[in-house]
Amino acid sequence: MAEASHFEEPHVFAHLLKDYMRKPKAYSMGLNAAFLHRLNILIGHRNNQYVQFSIDFLDMVTTSFGDCIMHGLASQEYTIGVDVAAEQRFERCMKCRNALFQVRIWKDNDLFIVLFFRFN
């Protein structure tokens, strides 16, 4: 799925995102980061369903993974020594955080403001 998220074709990406959203057991931080990175393709699309898929996805990421992202980012501050798993978690959380800030909201900046205060 992560490789398929790199397609520039919005129709393929929209259907892939819709399938991903239907399978909560498949949710992962790595896939979220891959999909968030490409979400701008759908956010400004003229097909309202694609826009709705992207908004639903943003809602899922912030509600289901928001605390995980914040804790993952904060965990880097308290570690001493080498912890490879923690470093990988931190990198995935950082990718998600950065991708969330790259999402362009076309009409309203309210969502950006919410994301900024939640993850900063």
N, C-alpha and C. Protein backbone atom coordinates (compact mmCIF):
# COMPACT_ATOMS: atom_id res chain seq x y z
N MET A 1 0.81 -1.20 0.00
CA MET A 1 0.00 0.00 0.00
C MET A 1 0.85 1.26 0.00
N ALA A 2 1.94 1.24 0.73
CA ALA A 2 2.77 2.44 0.81
C ALA A 2 3.33 2.80 -0.57
N GLU A 3 3.71 1.79 -1.36
CA GLU A 3 4.22 2.06 -2.70
C GLU A 3 3.13 2.63 -3.59
N ALA A 4 1.91 2.14 -3.45
CA ALA A 4 0.80 2.62 -4.26
C ALA A 4 0.43 4.05 -3.92
N SER A 5 0.76 4.51 -2.74
CA SER A 5 0.41 5.88 -2.35
C SER A 5 1.22 6.91 -3.12
N HIS A 6 2.26 6.49 -3.83
CA HIS A 6 3.11 7.43 -4.56
C HIS A 6 2.57 7.76 -5.95
N PHE A 7 1.46 7.16 -6.36
CA PHE A 7 0.87 7.48 -7.64
C PHE A 7 0.33 8.89 -7.62
N GLU A 8 0.54 9.62 -8.70
CA GLU A 8 0.04 10.97 -8.82
C GLU A 8 -1.42 10.99 -9.27
N GLU A 9 -1.93 9.88 -9.78
CA GLU A 9 -3.29 9.80 -10.28
C GLU A 9 -4.27 9.90 -9.11
N PRO A 10 -5.09 10.94 -9.06
CA PRO A 10 -5.98 11.12 -7.91
C PRO A 10 -7.04 10.03 -7.77
N HIS A 11 -7.50 9.46 -8.89
CA HIS A 11 -8.54 8.43 -8.82
C HIS A 11 -8.03 7.17 -8.13
N VAL A 12 -6.83 6.78 -8.49
CA VAL A 12 -6.23 5.59 -7.88
C VAL A 12 -5.99 5.84 -6.40
N PHE A 13 -5.44 7.00 -6.09
CA PHE A 13 -5.13 7.32 -4.70
C PHE A 13 -6.40 7.42 -3.86
N ALA A 14 -7.47 8.01 -4.41
CA ALA A 14 -8.73 8.14 -3.67
C ALA A 14 -9.31 6.78 -3.34
N HIS A 15 -9.30 5.86 -4.29
CA HIS A 15 -9.84 4.53 -4.03
C HIS A 15 -8.96 3.75 -3.06
N LEU A 16 -7.67 3.94 -3.15
CA LEU A 16 -6.75 3.30 -2.21
C LEU A 16 -6.99 3.83 -0.79
N LEU A 17 -7.18 5.13 -0.66
CA LEU A 17 -7.44 5.73 0.65
C LEU A 17 -8.78 5.26 1.20
N LYS A 18 -9.78 5.15 0.35
CA LYS A 18 -11.09 4.67 0.78
C LYS A 18 -10.99 3.24 1.28
N ASP A 19 -10.27 2.39 0.57
CA ASP A 19 -10.08 1.00 1.02
C ASP A 19 -9.33 0.94 2.35
N TYR A 20 -8.33 1.78 2.50
CA TYR A 20 -7.56 1.82 3.74
C TYR A 20 -8.45 2.23 4.92
N MET A 21 -9.32 3.20 4.70
CA MET A 21 -10.19 3.69 5.77
C MET A 21 -11.22 2.65 6.20
N ARG A 22 -11.54 1.72 5.32
CA ARG A 22 -12.52 0.66 5.63
C ARG A 22 -11.91 -0.47 6.47
N LYS A 23 -10.60 -0.47 6.64
CA LYS A 23 -9.93 -1.56 7.36
C LYS A 23 -9.16 -1.01 8.56
N PRO A 24 -9.85 -0.77 9.67
CA PRO A 24 -9.17 -0.19 10.84
C PRO A 24 -8.02 -1.05 11.36
N LYS A 25 -8.07 -2.35 11.15
CA LYS A 25 -6.97 -3.20 11.62
C LYS A 25 -5.69 -2.98 10.82
N ALA A 26 -5.80 -2.36 9.66
CA ALA A 26 -4.63 -2.11 8.81
C ALA A 26 -3.98 -0.77 9.11
N TYR A 27 -4.60 0.05 9.97
CA TYR A 27 -4.05 1.37 10.26
C TYR A 27 -2.66 1.24 10.86
N SER A 28 -1.75 2.06 10.37
CA SER A 28 -0.40 2.08 10.93
C SER A 28 0.19 3.47 10.75
N MET A 29 1.14 3.78 11.58
CA MET A 29 1.78 5.08 11.52
C MET A 29 2.56 5.25 10.22
N GLY A 30 3.20 4.19 9.75
CA GLY A 30 3.95 4.26 8.51
C GLY A 30 3.07 4.55 7.30
N LEU A 31 1.91 3.85 7.22
CA LEU A 31 0.99 4.12 6.12
C LEU A 31 0.36 5.50 6.23
N ASN A 32 0.08 5.91 7.45
CA ASN A 32 -0.47 7.26 7.64
C ASN A 32 0.50 8.31 7.10
N ALA A 33 1.77 8.14 7.40
CA ALA A 33 2.77 9.10 6.93
C ALA A 33 2.84 9.09 5.41
N ALA A 34 2.77 7.90 4.81
CA ALA A 34 2.82 7.80 3.34
C ALA A 34 1.61 8.46 2.70
N PHE A 35 0.44 8.24 3.28
CA PHE A 35 -0.78 8.81 2.72
C PHE A 35 -0.87 10.32 2.98
N LEU A 36 -0.48 10.75 4.16
CA LEU A 36 -0.53 12.18 4.47
C LEU A 36 0.35 12.99 3.53
N HIS A 37 1.47 12.39 3.15
CA HIS A 37 2.41 13.07 2.27
C HIS A 37 1.76 13.40 0.92
N ARG A 38 0.78 12.60 0.49
CA ARG A 38 0.13 12.78 -0.81
C ARG A 38 -1.28 13.35 -0.73
N LEU A 39 -1.73 13.73 0.42
CA LEU A 39 -3.12 14.12 0.62
C LEU A 39 -3.52 15.38 -0.16
N ASN A 40 -2.57 16.24 -0.47
CA ASN A 40 -2.89 17.46 -1.21
C ASN A 40 -3.47 17.18 -2.58
N ILE A 41 -3.20 15.99 -3.11
CA ILE A 41 -3.77 15.60 -4.40
C ILE A 41 -5.29 15.58 -4.32
N LEU A 42 -5.83 15.14 -3.18
CA LEU A 42 -7.28 15.01 -3.03
C LEU A 42 -7.95 16.21 -2.38
N ILE A 43 -7.24 16.92 -1.54
CA ILE A 43 -7.83 18.04 -0.79
C ILE A 43 -8.45 19.07 -1.73
N GLY A 44 -7.79 19.41 -2.79
CA GLY A 44 -8.30 20.44 -3.69
C GLY A 44 -8.99 19.90 -4.92
N HIS A 45 -9.30 18.61 -4.95
CA HIS A 45 -9.90 17.99 -6.13
C HIS A 45 -11.34 18.47 -6.31
N ARG A 46 -11.80 18.51 -7.55
CA ARG A 46 -13.18 18.96 -7.81
C ARG A 46 -14.23 17.91 -7.50
N ASN A 47 -13.81 16.65 -7.34
CA ASN A 47 -14.74 15.59 -6.95
C ASN A 47 -14.95 15.66 -5.44
N ASN A 48 -16.16 15.95 -5.02
CA ASN A 48 -16.45 16.14 -3.60
C ASN A 48 -16.22 14.88 -2.78
N GLN A 49 -16.37 13.71 -3.38
CA GLN A 49 -16.11 12.47 -2.64
C GLN A 49 -14.63 12.36 -2.28
N TYR A 50 -13.77 12.77 -3.17
CA TYR A 50 -12.33 12.71 -2.89
C TYR A 50 -11.97 13.66 -1.76
N VAL A 51 -12.57 14.83 -1.78
CA VAL A 51 -12.33 15.79 -0.70
C VAL A 51 -12.82 15.20 0.62
N GLN A 52 -13.98 14.55 0.60
CA GLN A 52 -14.53 13.94 1.82
C GLN A 52 -13.64 12.81 2.31
N PHE A 53 -13.09 11.99 1.40
CA PHE A 53 -12.15 10.93 1.80
C PHE A 53 -10.97 11.53 2.54
N SER A 54 -10.44 12.63 2.00
CA SER A 54 -9.26 13.24 2.62
C SER A 54 -9.59 13.84 3.98
N ILE A 55 -10.76 14.45 4.12
CA ILE A 55 -11.15 15.01 5.41
C ILE A 55 -11.39 13.91 6.43
N ASP A 56 -12.05 12.82 6.00
CA ASP A 56 -12.25 11.67 6.89
C ASP A 56 -10.92 11.08 7.33
N PHE A 57 -9.98 11.01 6.41
CA PHE A 57 -8.66 10.48 6.75
C PHE A 57 -7.95 11.38 7.75
N LEU A 58 -8.00 12.69 7.54
CA LEU A 58 -7.39 13.63 8.49
C LEU A 58 -8.02 13.50 9.86
N ASP A 59 -9.35 13.33 9.88
CA ASP A 59 -10.05 13.16 11.15
C ASP A 59 -9.59 11.89 11.86
N MET A 60 -9.46 10.79 11.10
CA MET A 60 -9.02 9.53 11.69
C MET A 60 -7.60 9.65 12.24
N VAL A 61 -6.72 10.27 11.49
CA VAL A 61 -5.33 10.38 11.93
C VAL A 61 -5.23 11.23 13.20
N THR A 62 -5.92 12.34 13.22
CA THR A 62 -5.79 13.21 14.39
C THR A 62 -6.48 12.63 15.62
N THR A 63 -7.62 11.94 15.44
CA THR A 63 -8.29 11.38 16.61
C THR A 63 -7.67 10.07 17.07
N SER A 64 -7.30 9.20 16.14
CA SER A 64 -6.77 7.88 16.51
C SER A 64 -5.28 7.89 16.79
N PHE A 65 -4.53 8.73 16.11
CA PHE A 65 -3.08 8.72 16.23
C PHE A 65 -2.50 10.00 16.80
N GLY A 66 -3.34 10.98 17.11
CA GLY A 66 -2.83 12.26 17.61
C GLY A 66 -2.02 12.13 18.88
N ASP A 67 -2.56 11.42 19.86
CA ASP A 67 -1.83 11.23 21.12
C ASP A 67 -0.57 10.41 20.90
N CYS A 68 -0.65 9.42 20.04
CA CYS A 68 0.51 8.58 19.73
C CYS A 68 1.63 9.42 19.09
N ILE A 69 1.24 10.31 18.18
CA ILE A 69 2.24 11.18 17.54
C ILE A 69 2.87 12.10 18.56
N MET A 70 2.06 12.70 19.42
CA MET A 70 2.61 13.61 20.44
C MET A 70 3.54 12.87 21.40
N HIS A 71 3.15 11.69 21.85
CA HIS A 71 4.00 10.93 22.76
C HIS A 71 5.27 10.44 22.06
N GLY A 72 5.13 10.06 20.81
CA GLY A 72 6.30 9.62 20.04
C GLY A 72 7.31 10.74 19.86
N LEU A 73 6.81 11.95 19.64
CA LEU A 73 7.71 13.10 19.50
C LEU A 73 8.35 13.47 20.83
N ALA A 74 7.59 13.36 21.90
CA ALA A 74 8.11 13.71 23.22
C ALA A 74 9.08 12.66 23.74
N SER A 75 8.95 11.43 23.28
CA SER A 75 9.81 10.35 23.79
C SER A 75 11.27 10.57 23.45
N GLN A 76 11.55 11.28 22.38
CA GLN A 76 12.94 11.53 21.98
C GLN A 76 13.66 12.39 23.02
N GLU A 77 12.93 13.20 23.74
CA GLU A 77 13.54 14.10 24.71
C GLU A 77 14.05 13.37 25.95
N TYR A 78 13.48 12.19 26.25
CA TYR A 78 13.78 11.53 27.52
C TYR A 78 14.67 10.31 27.40
N THR A 79 15.04 9.93 26.18
CA THR A 79 15.83 8.71 26.04
C THR A 79 17.31 8.99 26.26
N ILE A 80 17.94 8.02 26.87
CA ILE A 80 19.38 8.06 27.08
C ILE A 80 19.92 6.77 26.50
N GLY A 81 20.94 6.88 25.68
CA GLY A 81 21.49 5.69 25.06
C GLY A 81 20.87 5.44 23.70
N VAL A 82 21.08 4.22 23.20
CA VAL A 82 20.59 3.86 21.87
C VAL A 82 19.38 2.95 22.01
N ASP A 83 18.28 3.38 21.43
CA ASP A 83 17.06 2.59 21.38
C ASP A 83 16.53 2.69 19.95
N VAL A 84 16.84 1.67 19.15
CA VAL A 84 16.51 1.70 17.73
C VAL A 84 15.01 1.78 17.50
N ALA A 85 14.23 0.99 18.25
CA ALA A 85 12.77 1.00 18.08
C ALA A 85 12.20 2.39 18.40
N ALA A 86 12.71 3.02 19.45
CA ALA A 86 12.23 4.36 19.81
C ALA A 86 12.62 5.38 18.74
N GLU A 87 13.80 5.23 18.18
CA GLU A 87 14.23 6.15 17.12
C GLU A 87 13.36 5.99 15.88
N GLN A 88 13.00 4.75 15.54
CA GLN A 88 12.13 4.51 14.39
C GLN A 88 10.73 5.07 14.64
N ARG A 89 10.22 4.89 15.87
CA ARG A 89 8.93 5.46 16.22
C ARG A 89 8.96 6.98 16.10
N PHE A 90 10.04 7.57 16.61
CA PHE A 90 10.19 9.02 16.55
C PHE A 90 10.20 9.50 15.10
N GLU A 91 10.91 8.80 14.23
CA GLU A 91 10.97 9.19 12.82
C GLU A 91 9.60 9.09 12.15
N ARG A 92 8.84 8.02 12.44
CA ARG A 92 7.49 7.89 11.87
C ARG A 92 6.59 9.00 12.38
N CYS A 93 6.69 9.32 13.66
CA CYS A 93 5.87 10.40 14.23
C CYS A 93 6.26 11.74 13.62
N MET A 94 7.54 11.95 13.41
CA MET A 94 8.00 13.20 12.82
C MET A 94 7.52 13.31 11.37
N LYS A 95 7.54 12.20 10.62
CA LYS A 95 7.03 12.23 9.26
C LYS A 95 5.54 12.58 9.24
N CYS A 96 4.78 11.99 10.16
CA CYS A 96 3.35 12.30 10.23
C CYS A 96 3.13 13.76 10.60
N ARG A 97 3.85 14.24 11.58
CA ARG A 97 3.71 15.63 12.00
C ARG A 97 4.04 16.57 10.85
N ASN A 98 5.15 16.35 10.19
CA ASN A 98 5.55 17.21 9.08
C ASN A 98 4.54 17.14 7.93
N ALA A 99 4.05 15.93 7.65
CA ALA A 99 3.06 15.78 6.58
C ALA A 99 1.76 16.48 6.93
N LEU A 100 1.37 16.44 8.20
CA LEU A 100 0.16 17.15 8.61
C LEU A 100 0.29 18.65 8.37
N PHE A 101 1.47 19.19 8.59
CA PHE A 101 1.67 20.62 8.38
C PHE A 101 1.78 20.98 6.90
N GLN A 102 2.03 19.98 6.05
CA GLN A 102 2.10 20.24 4.61
C GLN A 102 0.75 20.19 3.92
N VAL A 103 -0.27 19.68 4.61
CA VAL A 103 -1.60 19.61 4.02
C VAL A 103 -2.13 21.02 3.83
N ARG A 104 -2.52 21.32 2.62
CA ARG A 104 -3.02 22.66 2.31
C ARG A 104 -4.54 22.66 2.38
N ILE A 105 -5.07 23.48 3.23
CA ILE A 105 -6.51 23.64 3.32
C ILE A 105 -6.88 24.80 2.39
N TRP A 106 -7.70 24.51 1.41
CA TRP A 106 -7.96 25.46 0.34
C TRP A 106 -8.91 26.59 0.69
N LYS A 107 -9.85 26.39 1.61
CA LYS A 107 -10.83 27.43 1.90
C LYS A 107 -10.65 28.05 3.27
N ASP A 108 -10.19 27.27 4.21
CA ASP A 108 -10.23 27.72 5.59
C ASP A 108 -8.96 27.28 6.30
N ASN A 109 -8.41 28.14 7.10
CA ASN A 109 -7.20 27.80 7.83
C ASN A 109 -7.49 27.27 9.23
N ASP A 110 -8.76 27.07 9.58
CA ASP A 110 -9.10 26.60 10.92
C ASP A 110 -8.47 25.25 11.22
N LEU A 111 -8.50 24.33 10.26
CA LEU A 111 -7.92 23.01 10.49
C LEU A 111 -6.41 23.12 10.71
N PHE A 112 -5.74 23.98 9.94
CA PHE A 112 -4.31 24.16 10.14
C PHE A 112 -4.02 24.68 11.54
N ILE A 113 -4.84 25.61 12.01
CA ILE A 113 -4.64 26.18 13.35
C ILE A 113 -4.80 25.09 14.40
N VAL A 114 -5.81 24.23 14.25
CA VAL A 114 -6.03 23.14 15.19
C VAL A 114 -4.83 22.20 15.17
N LEU A 115 -4.34 21.83 13.99
CA LEU A 115 -3.19 20.93 13.89
C LEU A 115 -1.95 21.58 14.49
N PHE A 116 -1.76 22.87 14.23
CA PHE A 116 -0.59 23.55 14.74
C PHE A 116 -0.54 23.51 16.27
N PHE A 117 -1.65 23.82 16.91
CA PHE A 117 -1.67 23.83 18.37
C PHE A 117 -1.64 22.44 18.96
N ARG A 118 -2.17 21.47 18.24
CA ARG A 118 -2.20 20.10 18.78
C ARG A 118 -0.83 19.45 18.71
N PHE A 119 -0.08 19.70 17.63
CA PHE A 119 1.18 19.00 17.42
C PHE A 119 2.41 19.88 17.56
N ASN A 120 2.27 21.04 18.09
CA ASN A 120 3.45 21.89 18.27
C ASN A 120 3.71 22.13 19.74
